[in-house]
N, C-alpha and C. Protein backbone atom coordinates (compact mmCIF):
# COMPACT_ATOMS: atom_id res chain seq x y z
N UNK A 1 259.91 -81.34 111.77
CA UNK A 1 258.94 -81.84 112.71
C UNK A 1 258.76 -80.85 113.86
N UNK A 2 259.85 -80.24 114.27
CA UNK A 2 259.75 -79.29 115.39
C UNK A 2 259.01 -78.03 114.95
N UNK A 3 259.12 -77.68 113.67
CA UNK A 3 258.38 -76.52 113.17
C UNK A 3 256.87 -76.77 113.22
N UNK A 4 256.48 -77.97 112.86
CA UNK A 4 255.06 -78.30 112.90
C UNK A 4 254.55 -78.31 114.34
N UNK A 5 255.36 -78.78 115.25
CA UNK A 5 254.96 -78.79 116.66
C UNK A 5 254.86 -77.37 117.19
N UNK A 6 255.80 -76.50 116.80
CA UNK A 6 255.74 -75.11 117.24
C UNK A 6 254.52 -74.40 116.64
N UNK A 7 254.19 -74.70 115.38
CA UNK A 7 253.01 -74.11 114.75
C UNK A 7 251.73 -74.59 115.43
N UNK A 8 251.71 -75.85 115.80
CA UNK A 8 250.54 -76.39 116.48
C UNK A 8 250.37 -75.74 117.86
N UNK A 9 251.47 -75.52 118.57
CA UNK A 9 251.39 -74.87 119.88
C UNK A 9 250.92 -73.42 119.73
N UNK A 10 251.42 -72.74 118.71
CA UNK A 10 251.01 -71.36 118.47
C UNK A 10 249.51 -71.30 118.13
N UNK A 11 249.06 -72.21 117.28
CA UNK A 11 247.65 -72.25 116.92
C UNK A 11 246.79 -72.58 118.13
N UNK A 12 247.27 -73.50 118.97
CA UNK A 12 246.53 -73.86 120.17
C UNK A 12 246.43 -72.69 121.14
N UNK A 13 247.40 -71.79 121.09
CA UNK A 13 247.37 -70.62 121.97
C UNK A 13 246.45 -69.54 121.41
N UNK A 14 246.52 -69.30 120.10
CA UNK A 14 245.77 -68.20 119.50
C UNK A 14 244.30 -68.55 119.20
N UNK A 15 243.98 -69.82 118.99
CA UNK A 15 242.61 -70.19 118.68
C UNK A 15 241.63 -69.83 119.80
N UNK A 16 241.92 -70.15 121.08
CA UNK A 16 240.98 -69.72 122.13
C UNK A 16 240.85 -68.20 122.24
N UNK A 17 241.96 -67.47 122.02
CA UNK A 17 241.88 -66.02 122.06
C UNK A 17 241.00 -65.48 120.93
N UNK A 18 241.14 -66.08 119.76
CA UNK A 18 240.31 -65.67 118.63
C UNK A 18 238.84 -66.01 118.90
N UNK A 19 238.57 -67.16 119.48
CA UNK A 19 237.20 -67.55 119.78
C UNK A 19 236.58 -66.59 120.80
N UNK A 20 237.34 -66.19 121.81
CA UNK A 20 236.83 -65.26 122.81
C UNK A 20 236.59 -63.89 122.19
N UNK A 21 237.48 -63.47 121.31
CA UNK A 21 237.32 -62.17 120.66
C UNK A 21 236.08 -62.15 119.76
N UNK A 22 235.77 -63.27 119.13
CA UNK A 22 234.59 -63.33 118.28
C UNK A 22 233.32 -63.49 119.11
N UNK A 23 233.42 -64.03 120.29
CA UNK A 23 232.27 -64.26 121.14
C UNK A 23 231.81 -62.99 121.86
N UNK A 24 232.72 -62.06 122.08
CA UNK A 24 232.39 -60.86 122.84
C UNK A 24 231.25 -60.05 122.20
N UNK A 25 231.23 -59.77 120.89
CA UNK A 25 230.09 -59.02 120.34
C UNK A 25 228.77 -59.77 120.50
N UNK A 26 228.81 -61.08 120.46
CA UNK A 26 227.59 -61.85 120.63
C UNK A 26 227.08 -61.72 122.05
N UNK A 27 227.98 -61.76 123.00
CA UNK A 27 227.60 -61.65 124.40
C UNK A 27 227.13 -60.23 124.74
N UNK A 28 227.61 -59.25 124.00
CA UNK A 28 227.28 -57.86 124.29
C UNK A 28 225.92 -57.45 123.72
N UNK A 29 225.35 -58.27 122.86
CA UNK A 29 224.07 -57.89 122.27
C UNK A 29 222.98 -57.92 123.34
N UNK A 30 221.97 -57.12 123.11
CA UNK A 30 220.93 -56.97 124.13
C UNK A 30 219.68 -57.77 123.79
N UNK A 31 219.79 -58.78 123.02
CA UNK A 31 218.64 -59.61 122.69
C UNK A 31 218.25 -59.45 121.25
N UNK A 32 217.00 -59.68 120.98
CA UNK A 32 216.53 -59.62 119.60
C UNK A 32 216.56 -61.00 118.98
N UNK A 33 216.08 -61.08 117.78
CA UNK A 33 216.00 -62.36 117.11
C UNK A 33 217.24 -62.67 116.31
N UNK A 34 217.20 -63.81 115.72
CA UNK A 34 218.28 -64.22 114.83
C UNK A 34 218.13 -63.47 113.51
N UNK A 35 219.21 -63.37 112.75
CA UNK A 35 219.14 -62.56 111.53
C UNK A 35 218.17 -63.11 110.48
N UNK A 36 217.86 -64.38 110.52
CA UNK A 36 216.97 -64.95 109.52
C UNK A 36 215.52 -65.04 109.98
N UNK A 37 215.22 -64.55 111.18
CA UNK A 37 213.84 -64.60 111.67
C UNK A 37 212.89 -63.75 110.83
N UNK A 38 213.29 -62.56 110.48
CA UNK A 38 212.40 -61.67 109.72
C UNK A 38 212.10 -62.21 108.32
N UNK A 39 213.10 -62.68 107.54
CA UNK A 39 212.75 -63.24 106.23
C UNK A 39 211.88 -64.49 106.32
N UNK A 40 212.12 -65.33 107.35
CA UNK A 40 211.30 -66.52 107.49
C UNK A 40 209.86 -66.16 107.89
N UNK A 41 209.71 -65.14 108.71
CA UNK A 41 208.36 -64.70 109.08
C UNK A 41 207.63 -64.13 107.87
N UNK A 42 208.35 -63.37 107.03
CA UNK A 42 207.75 -62.84 105.81
C UNK A 42 207.32 -63.97 104.88
N UNK A 43 208.18 -64.99 104.75
CA UNK A 43 207.84 -66.14 103.91
C UNK A 43 206.61 -66.87 104.46
N UNK A 44 206.55 -67.04 105.77
CA UNK A 44 205.38 -67.68 106.37
C UNK A 44 204.11 -66.87 106.12
N UNK A 45 204.20 -65.57 106.27
CA UNK A 45 203.03 -64.72 106.01
C UNK A 45 202.60 -64.79 104.55
N UNK A 46 203.57 -64.85 103.63
CA UNK A 46 203.24 -64.94 102.21
C UNK A 46 202.59 -66.28 101.87
N UNK A 47 203.05 -67.36 102.51
CA UNK A 47 202.53 -68.69 102.20
C UNK A 47 201.20 -68.98 102.88
N UNK A 48 200.82 -68.16 103.84
CA UNK A 48 199.54 -68.41 104.52
C UNK A 48 198.56 -67.26 104.33
N UNK A 49 198.85 -66.36 103.44
CA UNK A 49 197.98 -65.21 103.21
C UNK A 49 196.79 -65.55 102.33
N UNK A 50 195.97 -64.56 102.04
CA UNK A 50 194.76 -64.81 101.25
C UNK A 50 195.06 -65.18 99.80
N UNK A 51 196.11 -64.63 99.22
CA UNK A 51 196.44 -64.97 97.83
C UNK A 51 196.89 -66.42 97.74
N UNK A 52 197.74 -66.85 98.69
CA UNK A 52 198.20 -68.23 98.68
C UNK A 52 197.04 -69.20 98.92
N UNK A 53 196.11 -68.81 99.77
CA UNK A 53 194.94 -69.66 100.02
C UNK A 53 194.09 -69.80 98.76
N UNK A 54 193.85 -68.71 98.07
CA UNK A 54 193.06 -68.75 96.84
C UNK A 54 193.74 -69.58 95.77
N UNK A 55 195.04 -69.38 95.60
CA UNK A 55 195.78 -70.15 94.60
C UNK A 55 195.77 -71.63 94.95
N UNK A 56 195.91 -71.95 96.23
CA UNK A 56 195.93 -73.36 96.60
C UNK A 56 194.56 -74.02 96.43
N UNK A 57 193.48 -73.29 96.67
CA UNK A 57 192.15 -73.85 96.44
C UNK A 57 191.94 -74.11 94.96
N UNK A 58 192.31 -73.15 94.12
CA UNK A 58 192.17 -73.33 92.67
C UNK A 58 193.04 -74.47 92.16
N UNK A 59 194.26 -74.55 92.66
CA UNK A 59 195.17 -75.62 92.24
C UNK A 59 194.66 -76.98 92.70
N UNK A 60 194.08 -77.03 93.90
CA UNK A 60 193.54 -78.28 94.40
C UNK A 60 192.39 -78.77 93.54
N UNK A 61 191.48 -77.87 93.19
CA UNK A 61 190.35 -78.26 92.34
C UNK A 61 190.82 -78.65 90.94
N UNK A 62 191.75 -77.89 90.38
CA UNK A 62 192.22 -78.20 89.02
C UNK A 62 192.97 -79.53 88.99
N UNK A 63 193.84 -79.76 89.98
CA UNK A 63 194.59 -81.01 90.00
C UNK A 63 193.68 -82.19 90.29
N UNK A 64 192.71 -81.99 91.18
CA UNK A 64 191.76 -83.08 91.45
C UNK A 64 190.93 -83.42 90.23
N UNK A 65 190.47 -82.40 89.52
CA UNK A 65 189.70 -82.66 88.30
C UNK A 65 190.54 -83.36 87.25
N UNK A 66 191.79 -82.95 87.12
CA UNK A 66 192.66 -83.60 86.14
C UNK A 66 192.93 -85.05 86.52
N UNK A 67 193.06 -85.33 87.81
CA UNK A 67 193.29 -86.71 88.23
C UNK A 67 192.04 -87.56 88.05
N UNK A 68 190.86 -86.99 88.31
CA UNK A 68 189.63 -87.76 88.20
C UNK A 68 189.24 -87.97 86.74
N UNK A 69 189.27 -86.91 85.95
CA UNK A 69 188.78 -87.00 84.58
C UNK A 69 189.88 -87.25 83.55
N UNK A 70 191.13 -87.24 83.96
CA UNK A 70 192.22 -87.50 83.02
C UNK A 70 192.37 -88.99 82.77
N UNK A 71 192.06 -89.40 81.56
CA UNK A 71 192.07 -90.83 81.25
C UNK A 71 193.49 -91.33 81.01
N UNK A 72 194.23 -90.70 80.16
CA UNK A 72 195.54 -91.19 79.75
C UNK A 72 196.64 -90.27 80.24
N UNK A 73 196.83 -90.22 81.53
CA UNK A 73 197.90 -89.38 82.08
C UNK A 73 199.17 -90.20 82.19
N UNK A 74 200.27 -89.57 81.84
CA UNK A 74 201.54 -90.24 82.01
C UNK A 74 201.93 -90.25 83.49
N UNK A 75 202.93 -91.06 83.80
CA UNK A 75 203.37 -91.18 85.19
C UNK A 75 203.91 -89.86 85.71
N UNK A 76 204.66 -89.14 84.88
CA UNK A 76 205.23 -87.85 85.32
C UNK A 76 204.13 -86.83 85.59
N UNK A 77 203.14 -86.76 84.74
CA UNK A 77 202.04 -85.81 84.91
C UNK A 77 201.24 -86.15 86.15
N UNK A 78 201.00 -87.43 86.37
CA UNK A 78 200.25 -87.86 87.56
C UNK A 78 201.01 -87.49 88.83
N UNK A 79 202.31 -87.69 88.84
CA UNK A 79 203.11 -87.34 90.03
C UNK A 79 203.16 -85.82 90.22
N UNK A 80 203.23 -85.08 89.13
CA UNK A 80 203.22 -83.61 89.25
C UNK A 80 201.89 -83.13 89.82
N UNK A 81 200.80 -83.73 89.38
CA UNK A 81 199.49 -83.36 89.91
C UNK A 81 199.37 -83.73 91.39
N UNK A 82 199.89 -84.86 91.78
CA UNK A 82 199.87 -85.24 93.19
C UNK A 82 200.74 -84.30 94.03
N UNK A 83 201.82 -83.80 93.46
CA UNK A 83 202.65 -82.82 94.16
C UNK A 83 201.87 -81.51 94.36
N UNK A 84 201.13 -81.10 93.34
CA UNK A 84 200.30 -79.90 93.46
C UNK A 84 199.25 -80.09 94.54
N UNK A 85 198.63 -81.25 94.59
CA UNK A 85 197.63 -81.54 95.62
C UNK A 85 198.26 -81.50 97.00
N UNK A 86 199.44 -82.08 97.14
CA UNK A 86 200.11 -82.09 98.45
C UNK A 86 200.46 -80.68 98.91
N UNK A 87 200.96 -79.85 98.02
CA UNK A 87 201.30 -78.47 98.39
C UNK A 87 200.04 -77.70 98.75
N UNK A 88 198.96 -77.91 98.00
CA UNK A 88 197.70 -77.23 98.32
C UNK A 88 197.19 -77.65 99.69
N UNK A 89 197.30 -78.93 100.02
CA UNK A 89 196.89 -79.39 101.35
C UNK A 89 197.75 -78.76 102.44
N UNK A 90 199.03 -78.60 102.19
CA UNK A 90 199.90 -77.98 103.20
C UNK A 90 199.50 -76.53 103.47
N UNK A 91 199.25 -75.79 102.41
CA UNK A 91 198.88 -74.38 102.58
C UNK A 91 197.50 -74.27 103.21
N UNK A 92 196.55 -75.06 102.71
CA UNK A 92 195.20 -75.01 103.28
C UNK A 92 195.16 -75.55 104.69
N UNK A 93 195.99 -76.54 104.98
CA UNK A 93 196.01 -77.12 106.32
C UNK A 93 196.42 -76.12 107.38
N UNK A 94 197.38 -75.30 107.07
CA UNK A 94 197.81 -74.27 108.02
C UNK A 94 196.69 -73.30 108.31
N UNK A 95 196.01 -72.83 107.28
CA UNK A 95 194.89 -71.90 107.48
C UNK A 95 193.71 -72.57 108.18
N UNK A 96 193.46 -73.84 107.87
CA UNK A 96 192.37 -74.55 108.50
C UNK A 96 192.62 -74.73 110.00
N UNK A 97 193.84 -75.12 110.36
CA UNK A 97 194.17 -75.29 111.77
C UNK A 97 194.14 -73.95 112.52
N UNK A 98 194.55 -72.89 111.86
CA UNK A 98 194.48 -71.57 112.49
C UNK A 98 193.02 -71.17 112.71
N UNK A 99 192.16 -71.48 111.75
CA UNK A 99 190.75 -71.17 111.91
C UNK A 99 190.12 -71.95 113.06
N UNK A 100 190.65 -73.15 113.33
CA UNK A 100 190.14 -73.95 114.45
C UNK A 100 190.71 -73.48 115.79
N UNK A 101 191.67 -72.57 115.74
CA UNK A 101 192.28 -72.06 116.96
C UNK A 101 193.52 -72.84 117.38
N UNK A 102 193.97 -73.73 116.54
CA UNK A 102 195.17 -74.52 116.84
C UNK A 102 196.38 -73.83 116.22
N UNK A 103 197.25 -73.28 117.03
CA UNK A 103 198.44 -72.62 116.52
C UNK A 103 199.67 -73.24 117.14
N UNK A 104 200.82 -72.76 116.76
CA UNK A 104 202.07 -73.26 117.30
C UNK A 104 202.28 -72.80 118.73
N UNK A 105 203.43 -73.13 119.25
CA UNK A 105 203.77 -72.78 120.63
C UNK A 105 203.90 -71.26 120.76
N UNK A 106 203.44 -70.75 121.87
CA UNK A 106 203.53 -69.33 122.16
C UNK A 106 204.47 -69.16 123.33
N UNK A 107 205.47 -68.35 123.15
CA UNK A 107 206.44 -68.14 124.23
C UNK A 107 206.11 -66.87 124.97
């Protein structure tokens, strides 16, 4: 029991020192973004670019036509088509709002 207490005291002493040692490089940085900012910005640019807009318009028309003119669609196919429509609306919605001048927060 005394060994466990001594180990706990040692850990309680070294943990704050380790935390401070790991915090120092973070405090020394001179700014910049988080490491995942660049890949997320690239993904956003890819999902809102002209190719994504064209694909989403085509997918929206194809899925809408299949839903309107498809007589005997199974439940899975109908849900898959509704998922395609929802994704197309998300991609087109971003471009539509940008065209209206509505963008996110600017810092």
